[in-house]
């Protein structure tokens, strides 16, 4: 990894794929270690639902501690991201199929979709880290739409259990820093989908 991430303002948004939160937190820490400045954002579900993967308050606190900032938790606060030029790049990790569908349809009714919309007003890149059990079924059309949308990039994904969950795709979270650096240069990492871990 080069010094490209040092001083970079990264909007780091999390949506409700709770089983992947720990992997996302680990990558947020790595980005911060590379010298990136994280602007933390959580969707309403990510910030309010407690699961066996952590309570809502624990998850908010964890992201706050990693970034050293208060987490953006409302549409009103997310709206100012673009006007105030707060971010150089936006990472949504994890990005659920629900969020991907809303982004593909330009629906802005959550903190994260507003953050992405506000960021995109300046034509800057968005990196999506997909985590969904139906990525290759009902959600496939939305991913296809975003694959062809300007300024959207994807962290490479794997079929995490292609026998028991043949439609499931989960981001290879360890590739987030590499995907961010590539997106800054307008490059989509390929292959986008792996059959097994790269």
N, C-alpha and C. Protein backbone atom coordinates (compact mmCIF):
# COMPACT_ATOMS: atom_id res chain seq x y z
N UNK A 1 0.84 -1.19 0.00
CA UNK A 1 0.00 0.00 0.00
C UNK A 1 0.88 1.25 0.00
N UNK A 2 0.55 2.18 -0.89
CA UNK A 2 1.33 3.40 -0.99
C UNK A 2 0.88 4.39 0.09
N UNK A 3 1.37 5.62 0.00
CA UNK A 3 0.96 6.66 0.93
C UNK A 3 -0.31 7.38 0.47
N UNK A 4 -1.01 6.79 -0.50
CA UNK A 4 -2.18 7.46 -1.08
C UNK A 4 -3.29 7.70 -0.06
N UNK A 5 -3.32 6.89 0.99
CA UNK A 5 -4.41 7.01 1.96
C UNK A 5 -4.10 8.01 3.08
N UNK A 6 -2.86 8.43 3.18
CA UNK A 6 -2.50 9.34 4.26
C UNK A 6 -3.18 10.70 4.06
N UNK A 7 -3.94 11.12 5.08
CA UNK A 7 -4.64 12.39 5.01
C UNK A 7 -5.92 12.35 4.21
N UNK A 8 -6.26 11.19 3.64
CA UNK A 8 -7.47 11.06 2.85
C UNK A 8 -8.70 11.12 3.75
N UNK A 9 -9.70 11.88 3.36
CA UNK A 9 -10.94 11.98 4.13
C UNK A 9 -11.91 10.93 3.62
N UNK A 10 -12.09 9.88 4.41
CA UNK A 10 -12.92 8.75 4.00
C UNK A 10 -14.22 8.74 4.80
N UNK A 11 -15.35 8.89 4.10
CA UNK A 11 -16.63 8.65 4.74
C UNK A 11 -16.74 7.14 4.93
N UNK A 12 -16.86 6.69 6.17
CA UNK A 12 -16.91 5.25 6.44
C UNK A 12 -18.29 4.92 6.98
N UNK A 13 -19.12 4.35 6.12
CA UNK A 13 -20.53 4.11 6.43
C UNK A 13 -20.80 2.63 6.64
N UNK A 14 -21.62 2.33 7.65
CA UNK A 14 -21.97 0.95 7.95
C UNK A 14 -23.48 0.77 7.91
N UNK A 15 -23.93 -0.31 7.25
CA UNK A 15 -25.35 -0.66 7.24
C UNK A 15 -25.50 -2.04 7.90
N UNK A 16 -26.76 -2.54 7.95
CA UNK A 16 -27.07 -3.62 8.87
C UNK A 16 -26.75 -5.06 8.57
N UNK A 17 -25.61 -5.35 7.99
CA UNK A 17 -25.16 -6.75 7.90
C UNK A 17 -24.32 -7.03 9.14
N UNK A 18 -24.99 -7.30 10.25
CA UNK A 18 -24.34 -7.32 11.56
C UNK A 18 -23.25 -8.38 11.68
N UNK A 19 -23.41 -9.50 11.00
CA UNK A 19 -22.42 -10.58 11.11
C UNK A 19 -21.06 -10.20 10.52
N UNK A 20 -21.01 -9.11 9.75
CA UNK A 20 -19.75 -8.67 9.15
C UNK A 20 -19.16 -7.45 9.85
N UNK A 21 -19.79 -7.00 10.93
CA UNK A 21 -19.34 -5.77 11.59
C UNK A 21 -17.89 -5.87 12.07
N UNK A 22 -17.52 -6.98 12.66
CA UNK A 22 -16.17 -7.09 13.20
C UNK A 22 -15.13 -6.93 12.09
N UNK A 23 -15.38 -7.57 10.94
CA UNK A 23 -14.45 -7.43 9.81
C UNK A 23 -14.39 -5.99 9.33
N UNK A 24 -15.53 -5.32 9.33
CA UNK A 24 -15.55 -3.91 8.91
C UNK A 24 -14.78 -3.04 9.89
N UNK A 25 -14.98 -3.27 11.19
CA UNK A 25 -14.24 -2.50 12.18
C UNK A 25 -12.72 -2.69 12.01
N UNK A 26 -12.31 -3.91 11.72
CA UNK A 26 -10.88 -4.19 11.54
C UNK A 26 -10.31 -3.39 10.37
N UNK A 27 -11.07 -3.29 9.29
CA UNK A 27 -10.59 -2.54 8.13
C UNK A 27 -10.61 -1.04 8.39
N UNK A 28 -11.59 -0.58 9.16
CA UNK A 28 -11.61 0.84 9.53
C UNK A 28 -10.35 1.18 10.33
N UNK A 29 -9.96 0.29 11.21
CA UNK A 29 -8.73 0.50 11.99
C UNK A 29 -7.51 0.54 11.08
N UNK A 30 -7.47 -0.34 10.10
CA UNK A 30 -6.33 -0.37 9.17
C UNK A 30 -6.27 0.93 8.37
N UNK A 31 -7.40 1.40 7.88
CA UNK A 31 -7.42 2.66 7.13
C UNK A 31 -6.90 3.81 8.01
N UNK A 32 -7.32 3.81 9.26
CA UNK A 32 -6.85 4.85 10.18
C UNK A 32 -5.35 4.73 10.42
N UNK A 33 -4.85 3.50 10.50
CA UNK A 33 -3.41 3.29 10.68
C UNK A 33 -2.62 3.78 9.48
N UNK A 34 -3.22 3.71 8.29
CA UNK A 34 -2.56 4.23 7.09
C UNK A 34 -2.57 5.75 7.05
N UNK A 35 -3.24 6.36 8.01
CA UNK A 35 -3.25 7.83 8.07
C UNK A 35 -4.49 8.47 7.50
N UNK A 36 -5.50 7.67 7.15
CA UNK A 36 -6.74 8.24 6.64
C UNK A 36 -7.53 8.86 7.77
N UNK A 37 -8.29 9.88 7.44
CA UNK A 37 -9.19 10.54 8.39
C UNK A 37 -10.59 9.99 8.13
N UNK A 38 -11.15 9.26 9.08
CA UNK A 38 -12.44 8.62 8.89
C UNK A 38 -13.57 9.51 9.40
N UNK A 39 -14.60 9.68 8.56
CA UNK A 39 -15.83 10.35 8.96
C UNK A 39 -16.86 9.25 9.10
N UNK A 40 -17.19 8.85 10.35
CA UNK A 40 -18.01 7.66 10.58
C UNK A 40 -19.51 7.93 10.40
N UNK A 41 -20.19 6.97 9.79
CA UNK A 41 -21.62 7.09 9.49
C UNK A 41 -22.26 5.73 9.73
N UNK A 42 -23.45 5.70 10.32
CA UNK A 42 -24.19 4.45 10.48
C UNK A 42 -25.63 4.64 10.08
N UNK A 43 -26.19 3.63 9.43
CA UNK A 43 -27.61 3.67 9.10
C UNK A 43 -28.44 3.55 10.37
N UNK A 44 -29.70 3.86 10.26
CA UNK A 44 -30.60 3.77 11.41
C UNK A 44 -30.63 2.36 12.00
N UNK A 45 -30.69 1.34 11.15
CA UNK A 45 -30.71 -0.03 11.65
C UNK A 45 -29.38 -0.40 12.29
N UNK A 46 -28.29 -0.06 11.63
CA UNK A 46 -26.96 -0.39 12.17
C UNK A 46 -26.75 0.24 13.53
N UNK A 47 -27.33 1.42 13.74
CA UNK A 47 -27.10 2.16 14.98
C UNK A 47 -28.12 1.88 16.07
N UNK A 48 -29.17 1.12 15.78
CA UNK A 48 -30.24 0.97 16.77
C UNK A 48 -30.56 -0.47 17.14
N UNK A 49 -30.06 -1.44 16.37
CA UNK A 49 -30.40 -2.84 16.62
C UNK A 49 -29.25 -3.54 17.34
N UNK A 50 -29.56 -4.18 18.46
CA UNK A 50 -28.59 -4.98 19.19
C UNK A 50 -28.74 -6.44 18.78
N UNK A 51 -27.62 -7.10 18.54
CA UNK A 51 -27.63 -8.49 18.12
C UNK A 51 -26.55 -9.25 18.88
N UNK A 52 -26.40 -10.54 18.58
CA UNK A 52 -25.33 -11.31 19.22
C UNK A 52 -23.95 -10.85 18.77
N UNK A 53 -23.90 -9.96 17.77
CA UNK A 53 -22.63 -9.41 17.31
C UNK A 53 -22.30 -8.08 17.97
N UNK A 54 -23.07 -7.72 19.00
CA UNK A 54 -22.80 -6.49 19.74
C UNK A 54 -24.06 -5.67 19.92
N UNK A 55 -24.11 -4.92 21.00
CA UNK A 55 -25.25 -4.03 21.19
C UNK A 55 -25.10 -2.81 20.30
N UNK A 56 -26.21 -2.13 20.09
CA UNK A 56 -26.18 -0.92 19.26
C UNK A 56 -25.19 0.10 19.82
N UNK A 57 -25.24 0.31 21.12
CA UNK A 57 -24.35 1.30 21.73
C UNK A 57 -22.89 0.88 21.63
N UNK A 58 -22.62 -0.41 21.80
CA UNK A 58 -21.24 -0.90 21.67
C UNK A 58 -20.71 -0.65 20.26
N UNK A 59 -21.53 -0.90 19.26
CA UNK A 59 -21.08 -0.72 17.87
C UNK A 59 -20.85 0.75 17.54
N UNK A 60 -21.73 1.62 18.02
CA UNK A 60 -21.52 3.05 17.80
C UNK A 60 -20.23 3.50 18.48
N UNK A 61 -20.03 3.05 19.70
CA UNK A 61 -18.84 3.44 20.45
C UNK A 61 -17.56 2.93 19.79
N UNK A 62 -17.62 1.72 19.24
CA UNK A 62 -16.45 1.14 18.58
C UNK A 62 -16.05 1.98 17.37
N UNK A 63 -17.04 2.36 16.56
CA UNK A 63 -16.73 3.17 15.38
C UNK A 63 -16.27 4.56 15.79
N UNK A 64 -16.84 5.09 16.84
CA UNK A 64 -16.41 6.40 17.35
C UNK A 64 -14.95 6.35 17.81
N UNK A 65 -14.59 5.30 18.52
CA UNK A 65 -13.22 5.18 19.02
C UNK A 65 -12.21 5.00 17.90
N UNK A 66 -12.58 4.25 16.87
CA UNK A 66 -11.67 4.03 15.74
C UNK A 66 -11.41 5.33 14.99
N UNK A 67 -12.47 6.08 14.78
CA UNK A 67 -12.37 7.31 13.96
C UNK A 67 -11.98 8.54 14.76
N UNK A 68 -12.24 8.51 16.07
CA UNK A 68 -11.98 9.69 16.89
C UNK A 68 -12.99 10.79 16.67
N UNK A 69 -14.15 10.44 16.13
CA UNK A 69 -15.20 11.42 15.85
C UNK A 69 -16.56 10.86 16.28
N UNK A 70 -17.51 11.75 16.51
CA UNK A 70 -18.88 11.32 16.72
C UNK A 70 -19.42 10.74 15.43
N UNK A 71 -20.21 9.69 15.55
CA UNK A 71 -20.77 9.03 14.38
C UNK A 71 -21.97 9.82 13.87
N UNK A 72 -22.03 10.01 12.55
CA UNK A 72 -23.18 10.66 11.92
C UNK A 72 -24.33 9.67 11.92
N UNK A 73 -25.45 10.04 12.55
CA UNK A 73 -26.55 9.10 12.77
C UNK A 73 -27.89 9.60 12.25
N UNK A 74 -27.91 10.71 11.53
CA UNK A 74 -29.19 11.24 11.04
C UNK A 74 -29.07 11.74 9.62
N UNK A 75 -30.18 11.73 8.93
CA UNK A 75 -30.23 12.25 7.56
C UNK A 75 -29.84 13.72 7.55
N UNK A 76 -30.31 14.47 8.54
CA UNK A 76 -30.01 15.91 8.60
C UNK A 76 -28.51 16.16 8.69
N UNK A 77 -27.81 15.37 9.51
CA UNK A 77 -26.37 15.56 9.65
C UNK A 77 -25.61 15.07 8.43
N UNK A 78 -26.12 14.01 7.79
CA UNK A 78 -25.44 13.47 6.60
C UNK A 78 -25.57 14.40 5.40
N UNK A 79 -26.61 15.19 5.36
CA UNK A 79 -26.86 16.05 4.20
C UNK A 79 -25.74 17.06 3.97
N UNK A 80 -25.05 17.44 5.04
CA UNK A 80 -24.02 18.48 4.90
C UNK A 80 -22.68 17.94 4.41
N UNK A 81 -22.56 16.63 4.22
CA UNK A 81 -21.28 16.03 3.81
C UNK A 81 -20.79 16.64 2.49
N UNK A 82 -21.66 16.71 1.51
CA UNK A 82 -21.27 17.26 0.21
C UNK A 82 -21.05 18.76 0.25
N UNK A 83 -22.03 19.54 0.74
CA UNK A 83 -21.85 20.99 0.78
C UNK A 83 -20.61 21.44 1.54
N UNK A 84 -20.24 20.70 2.59
CA UNK A 84 -19.07 21.08 3.38
C UNK A 84 -17.80 20.39 2.89
N UNK A 85 -17.91 19.63 1.81
CA UNK A 85 -16.75 18.93 1.22
C UNK A 85 -16.00 18.13 2.29
N UNK A 86 -16.75 17.32 3.03
CA UNK A 86 -16.18 16.60 4.16
C UNK A 86 -15.43 15.33 3.77
N UNK A 87 -15.67 14.80 2.55
CA UNK A 87 -15.11 13.50 2.18
C UNK A 87 -14.45 13.53 0.81
N UNK A 88 -13.35 12.77 0.68
CA UNK A 88 -12.70 12.57 -0.62
C UNK A 88 -13.24 11.32 -1.30
N UNK A 89 -13.65 10.35 -0.49
CA UNK A 89 -14.17 9.08 -0.98
C UNK A 89 -15.13 8.54 0.07
N UNK A 90 -16.12 7.80 -0.37
CA UNK A 90 -17.10 7.21 0.55
C UNK A 90 -16.99 5.68 0.46
N UNK A 91 -16.90 5.02 1.61
CA UNK A 91 -16.89 3.57 1.70
C UNK A 91 -18.13 3.13 2.46
N UNK A 92 -18.90 2.21 1.89
CA UNK A 92 -20.04 1.64 2.59
C UNK A 92 -19.70 0.19 2.88
N UNK A 93 -19.41 -0.11 4.16
CA UNK A 93 -18.88 -1.43 4.53
C UNK A 93 -19.38 -1.84 5.91
N UNK A 94 -20.33 -2.75 5.99
CA UNK A 94 -20.94 -3.50 4.90
C UNK A 94 -22.04 -2.69 4.22
N UNK A 95 -22.32 -3.08 2.97
CA UNK A 95 -23.44 -2.52 2.22
C UNK A 95 -24.45 -3.64 1.99
N UNK A 96 -25.62 -3.53 2.60
CA UNK A 96 -26.65 -4.55 2.44
C UNK A 96 -27.31 -4.46 1.07
N UNK A 97 -28.04 -5.50 0.72
CA UNK A 97 -28.79 -5.49 -0.55
C UNK A 97 -29.87 -4.41 -0.50
N UNK A 98 -30.42 -4.14 0.68
CA UNK A 98 -31.43 -3.10 0.82
C UNK A 98 -30.84 -1.73 0.48
N UNK A 99 -29.64 -1.45 1.00
CA UNK A 99 -28.99 -0.17 0.71
C UNK A 99 -28.59 -0.09 -0.76
N UNK A 100 -28.06 -1.19 -1.31
CA UNK A 100 -27.69 -1.19 -2.73
C UNK A 100 -28.90 -0.92 -3.61
N UNK A 101 -30.05 -1.49 -3.26
CA UNK A 101 -31.28 -1.26 -4.04
C UNK A 101 -31.69 0.21 -4.00
N UNK A 102 -31.56 0.81 -2.83
CA UNK A 102 -31.92 2.22 -2.70
C UNK A 102 -30.96 3.10 -3.49
N UNK A 103 -29.67 2.80 -3.44
CA UNK A 103 -28.70 3.58 -4.22
C UNK A 103 -28.96 3.44 -5.71
N UNK A 104 -29.29 2.22 -6.15
CA UNK A 104 -29.55 2.00 -7.58
C UNK A 104 -30.78 2.75 -8.04
N UNK A 105 -31.74 2.97 -7.13
CA UNK A 105 -32.99 3.65 -7.48
C UNK A 105 -33.01 5.11 -7.04
N UNK A 106 -31.88 5.60 -6.55
CA UNK A 106 -31.77 6.99 -6.08
C UNK A 106 -32.78 7.30 -4.99
N UNK A 107 -33.01 6.33 -4.10
CA UNK A 107 -33.88 6.54 -2.94
C UNK A 107 -33.02 7.03 -1.78
N UNK A 108 -33.43 8.14 -1.17
CA UNK A 108 -32.63 8.75 -0.10
C UNK A 108 -33.48 8.85 1.15
N UNK A 109 -33.54 7.75 1.91
CA UNK A 109 -34.39 7.77 3.11
C UNK A 109 -33.69 7.20 4.34
N UNK A 110 -32.36 7.10 4.28
CA UNK A 110 -31.59 6.68 5.45
C UNK A 110 -30.37 7.59 5.56
N UNK A 111 -29.73 7.51 6.71
CA UNK A 111 -28.52 8.30 6.91
C UNK A 111 -27.45 7.96 5.89
N UNK A 112 -27.28 6.66 5.61
CA UNK A 112 -26.22 6.24 4.68
C UNK A 112 -26.54 6.62 3.24
N UNK A 113 -27.79 6.44 2.80
CA UNK A 113 -28.10 6.81 1.42
C UNK A 113 -27.99 8.33 1.23
N UNK A 114 -28.34 9.09 2.26
CA UNK A 114 -28.15 10.53 2.17
C UNK A 114 -26.66 10.88 2.14
N UNK A 115 -25.86 10.19 2.94
CA UNK A 115 -24.42 10.45 2.94
C UNK A 115 -23.82 10.21 1.56
N UNK A 116 -24.22 9.11 0.92
CA UNK A 116 -23.71 8.80 -0.41
C UNK A 116 -24.18 9.84 -1.42
N UNK A 117 -25.46 10.17 -1.37
CA UNK A 117 -25.99 11.17 -2.30
C UNK A 117 -25.28 12.50 -2.15
N UNK A 118 -25.11 12.94 -0.91
CA UNK A 118 -24.48 14.22 -0.67
C UNK A 118 -23.03 14.22 -1.14
N UNK A 119 -22.33 13.13 -0.88
CA UNK A 119 -20.94 12.96 -1.33
C UNK A 119 -20.85 13.00 -2.86
N UNK A 120 -21.79 12.32 -3.53
CA UNK A 120 -21.74 12.20 -4.99
C UNK A 120 -21.98 13.53 -5.71
N UNK A 121 -22.55 14.51 -5.03
CA UNK A 121 -22.82 15.80 -5.69
C UNK A 121 -21.53 16.43 -6.21
N UNK A 122 -20.39 16.03 -5.64
CA UNK A 122 -19.10 16.55 -6.09
C UNK A 122 -18.39 15.60 -7.04
N UNK A 123 -19.08 14.53 -7.47
CA UNK A 123 -18.52 13.61 -8.46
C UNK A 123 -17.36 12.78 -7.95
N UNK A 124 -17.37 12.47 -6.66
CA UNK A 124 -16.27 11.70 -6.05
C UNK A 124 -16.65 10.23 -5.93
N UNK A 125 -15.65 9.35 -5.79
CA UNK A 125 -15.92 7.91 -5.82
C UNK A 125 -16.59 7.37 -4.56
N UNK A 126 -17.39 6.32 -4.79
CA UNK A 126 -18.05 5.57 -3.72
C UNK A 126 -17.63 4.11 -3.86
N UNK A 127 -17.18 3.51 -2.77
CA UNK A 127 -16.76 2.11 -2.77
C UNK A 127 -17.75 1.30 -1.94
N UNK A 128 -18.36 0.29 -2.57
CA UNK A 128 -19.35 -0.53 -1.89
C UNK A 128 -18.76 -1.89 -1.51
N UNK A 129 -18.96 -2.27 -0.26
CA UNK A 129 -18.53 -3.57 0.24
C UNK A 129 -19.79 -4.40 0.51
N UNK A 130 -20.21 -5.13 -0.50
CA UNK A 130 -21.49 -5.84 -0.46
C UNK A 130 -21.45 -7.02 0.51
N UNK A 131 -22.55 -7.22 1.23
CA UNK A 131 -22.73 -8.40 2.08
C UNK A 131 -24.21 -8.74 2.08
N UNK A 132 -24.58 -9.79 1.31
CA UNK A 132 -26.00 -10.11 1.18
C UNK A 132 -26.19 -11.55 0.73
N UNK A 133 -27.20 -12.20 1.32
CA UNK A 133 -27.50 -13.58 0.95
C UNK A 133 -28.22 -13.71 -0.38
N UNK A 134 -28.74 -12.60 -0.92
CA UNK A 134 -29.48 -12.70 -2.19
C UNK A 134 -28.86 -11.88 -3.31
N UNK A 135 -27.55 -11.68 -3.23
CA UNK A 135 -26.86 -10.85 -4.22
C UNK A 135 -27.01 -11.39 -5.64
N UNK A 136 -27.10 -12.70 -5.79
CA UNK A 136 -27.20 -13.30 -7.12
C UNK A 136 -28.62 -13.74 -7.43
N UNK A 137 -29.60 -13.23 -6.66
CA UNK A 137 -31.01 -13.48 -6.95
C UNK A 137 -31.71 -12.14 -7.16
N UNK A 138 -32.61 -11.80 -6.24
CA UNK A 138 -33.38 -10.57 -6.41
C UNK A 138 -32.56 -9.31 -6.44
N UNK A 139 -31.42 -9.33 -5.79
CA UNK A 139 -30.58 -8.11 -5.74
C UNK A 139 -29.63 -7.97 -6.91
N UNK A 140 -29.53 -8.99 -7.74
CA UNK A 140 -28.55 -8.97 -8.83
C UNK A 140 -28.78 -7.79 -9.78
N UNK A 141 -30.04 -7.47 -10.05
CA UNK A 141 -30.31 -6.37 -10.99
C UNK A 141 -29.82 -5.03 -10.43
N UNK A 142 -29.89 -4.87 -9.11
CA UNK A 142 -29.43 -3.62 -8.51
C UNK A 142 -27.91 -3.51 -8.55
N UNK A 143 -27.23 -4.63 -8.30
CA UNK A 143 -25.77 -4.61 -8.43
C UNK A 143 -25.36 -4.33 -9.87
N UNK A 144 -26.09 -4.94 -10.81
CA UNK A 144 -25.79 -4.69 -12.22
C UNK A 144 -25.94 -3.23 -12.59
N UNK A 145 -26.97 -2.59 -12.06
CA UNK A 145 -27.18 -1.16 -12.30
C UNK A 145 -26.02 -0.35 -11.74
N UNK A 146 -25.58 -0.68 -10.54
CA UNK A 146 -24.50 0.08 -9.91
C UNK A 146 -23.15 -0.21 -10.55
N UNK A 147 -22.97 -1.42 -11.09
CA UNK A 147 -21.73 -1.73 -11.82
C UNK A 147 -21.53 -0.75 -12.97
N UNK A 148 -22.64 -0.30 -13.56
CA UNK A 148 -22.57 0.56 -14.74
C UNK A 148 -22.78 2.03 -14.41
N UNK A 149 -22.84 2.37 -13.14
CA UNK A 149 -23.08 3.74 -12.72
C UNK A 149 -21.75 4.44 -12.47
N UNK A 150 -21.61 5.62 -13.00
CA UNK A 150 -20.40 6.40 -12.82
C UNK A 150 -20.15 6.65 -11.33
N UNK A 151 -18.88 6.59 -10.95
CA UNK A 151 -18.39 6.89 -9.60
C UNK A 151 -18.61 5.77 -8.58
N UNK A 152 -19.23 4.66 -8.98
CA UNK A 152 -19.39 3.53 -8.06
C UNK A 152 -18.33 2.47 -8.34
N UNK A 153 -17.73 1.97 -7.27
CA UNK A 153 -16.72 0.91 -7.35
C UNK A 153 -17.05 -0.13 -6.28
N UNK A 154 -16.59 -1.36 -6.52
CA UNK A 154 -16.89 -2.45 -5.61
C UNK A 154 -15.62 -3.08 -5.06
N UNK A 155 -15.68 -3.42 -3.78
CA UNK A 155 -14.64 -4.27 -3.22
C UNK A 155 -14.92 -5.68 -3.75
N UNK A 156 -13.91 -6.41 -4.24
CA UNK A 156 -14.16 -7.76 -4.74
C UNK A 156 -14.89 -8.62 -3.71
N UNK A 157 -15.75 -9.51 -4.23
CA UNK A 157 -16.62 -10.33 -3.40
C UNK A 157 -16.33 -11.81 -3.63
N UNK A 158 -16.73 -12.62 -2.65
CA UNK A 158 -16.63 -14.07 -2.82
C UNK A 158 -18.00 -14.70 -2.59
N UNK A 159 -18.21 -15.85 -3.22
CA UNK A 159 -19.37 -16.68 -2.90
C UNK A 159 -18.99 -17.42 -1.62
N UNK A 160 -19.46 -16.91 -0.49
CA UNK A 160 -18.96 -17.38 0.80
C UNK A 160 -19.40 -18.79 1.16
N UNK A 161 -20.52 -19.25 0.58
CA UNK A 161 -20.99 -20.63 0.82
C UNK A 161 -21.81 -21.03 -0.39
N UNK A 162 -21.11 -21.31 -1.48
CA UNK A 162 -21.80 -21.50 -2.76
C UNK A 162 -22.63 -22.77 -2.83
N UNK A 163 -22.44 -23.69 -1.90
CA UNK A 163 -23.26 -24.91 -1.87
C UNK A 163 -24.56 -24.66 -1.11
N UNK A 164 -24.47 -24.13 0.10
CA UNK A 164 -25.66 -23.94 0.93
C UNK A 164 -26.34 -22.59 0.71
N UNK A 165 -25.58 -21.59 0.23
CA UNK A 165 -26.15 -20.27 -0.04
C UNK A 165 -25.66 -19.81 -1.42
N UNK A 166 -26.15 -20.43 -2.48
CA UNK A 166 -25.60 -20.17 -3.82
C UNK A 166 -25.78 -18.74 -4.33
N UNK A 167 -26.68 -17.97 -3.73
CA UNK A 167 -26.89 -16.59 -4.18
C UNK A 167 -26.16 -15.57 -3.32
N UNK A 168 -25.42 -16.04 -2.32
CA UNK A 168 -24.78 -15.14 -1.36
C UNK A 168 -23.44 -14.62 -1.87
N UNK A 169 -23.22 -13.33 -1.67
CA UNK A 169 -21.93 -12.70 -1.95
C UNK A 169 -21.52 -11.87 -0.74
N UNK A 170 -20.28 -12.03 -0.32
CA UNK A 170 -19.75 -11.23 0.79
C UNK A 170 -18.41 -10.65 0.37
N UNK A 171 -18.26 -9.37 0.62
CA UNK A 171 -17.01 -8.68 0.32
C UNK A 171 -15.81 -9.34 0.98
N UNK A 172 -14.70 -9.37 0.28
CA UNK A 172 -13.44 -9.76 0.89
C UNK A 172 -12.92 -8.51 1.59
N UNK A 173 -13.28 -8.38 2.86
CA UNK A 173 -13.05 -7.13 3.60
C UNK A 173 -11.59 -6.71 3.63
N UNK A 174 -10.67 -7.67 3.60
CA UNK A 174 -9.25 -7.34 3.65
C UNK A 174 -8.79 -6.55 2.42
N UNK A 175 -9.63 -6.52 1.37
CA UNK A 175 -9.27 -5.79 0.15
C UNK A 175 -9.80 -4.36 0.13
N UNK A 176 -10.45 -3.93 1.22
CA UNK A 176 -10.99 -2.56 1.23
C UNK A 176 -9.92 -1.50 1.00
N UNK A 177 -8.77 -1.52 1.70
CA UNK A 177 -7.77 -0.48 1.42
C UNK A 177 -7.31 -0.48 -0.04
N UNK A 178 -7.11 -1.65 -0.60
CA UNK A 178 -6.69 -1.74 -2.00
C UNK A 178 -7.77 -1.20 -2.93
N UNK A 179 -9.03 -1.51 -2.63
CA UNK A 179 -10.14 -1.03 -3.46
C UNK A 179 -10.28 0.48 -3.38
N UNK A 180 -10.04 1.03 -2.20
CA UNK A 180 -10.10 2.49 -2.04
C UNK A 180 -9.02 3.17 -2.88
N UNK A 181 -7.81 2.65 -2.80
CA UNK A 181 -6.73 3.26 -3.58
C UNK A 181 -6.99 3.15 -5.08
N UNK A 182 -7.52 2.01 -5.51
CA UNK A 182 -7.84 1.83 -6.93
C UNK A 182 -8.92 2.81 -7.37
N UNK A 183 -9.96 2.95 -6.55
CA UNK A 183 -11.07 3.85 -6.90
C UNK A 183 -10.62 5.29 -7.02
N UNK A 184 -9.66 5.69 -6.20
CA UNK A 184 -9.12 7.05 -6.31
C UNK A 184 -8.52 7.31 -7.68
N UNK A 185 -8.06 6.22 -8.32
CA UNK A 185 -7.47 6.32 -9.65
C UNK A 185 -8.47 5.93 -10.75
N UNK A 186 -9.75 5.79 -10.36
CA UNK A 186 -10.78 5.45 -11.33
C UNK A 186 -10.73 4.02 -11.81
N UNK A 187 -10.16 3.12 -11.01
CA UNK A 187 -9.98 1.73 -11.41
C UNK A 187 -10.85 0.81 -10.56
N UNK A 188 -11.55 -0.12 -11.22
CA UNK A 188 -12.30 -1.17 -10.53
C UNK A 188 -11.42 -2.41 -10.44
N UNK A 189 -11.18 -2.89 -9.23
CA UNK A 189 -10.41 -4.12 -9.06
C UNK A 189 -11.15 -5.29 -9.70
N UNK A 190 -10.40 -6.17 -10.36
CA UNK A 190 -10.99 -7.35 -10.98
C UNK A 190 -10.12 -8.56 -10.73
N UNK A 191 -10.75 -9.74 -10.65
CA UNK A 191 -12.18 -9.99 -10.83
C UNK A 191 -13.00 -9.42 -9.68
N UNK A 192 -14.25 -9.08 -9.99
CA UNK A 192 -15.13 -8.52 -8.97
C UNK A 192 -15.69 -9.63 -8.09
N UNK A 193 -15.96 -10.80 -8.68
CA UNK A 193 -16.53 -11.93 -7.93
C UNK A 193 -15.60 -13.12 -8.02
N UNK A 194 -15.25 -13.65 -6.85
CA UNK A 194 -14.41 -14.84 -6.76
C UNK A 194 -15.27 -16.04 -6.35
N UNK A 195 -14.92 -17.20 -6.88
CA UNK A 195 -15.59 -18.44 -6.49
C UNK A 195 -15.13 -18.85 -5.09
N UNK A 196 -13.85 -18.70 -4.85
CA UNK A 196 -13.28 -18.95 -3.52
C UNK A 196 -12.37 -17.78 -3.16
N UNK A 197 -11.89 -17.74 -1.95
CA UNK A 197 -11.09 -16.63 -1.47
C UNK A 197 -9.84 -16.43 -2.32
N UNK A 198 -9.53 -15.18 -2.73
CA UNK A 198 -8.35 -14.92 -3.56
C UNK A 198 -7.06 -15.14 -2.78
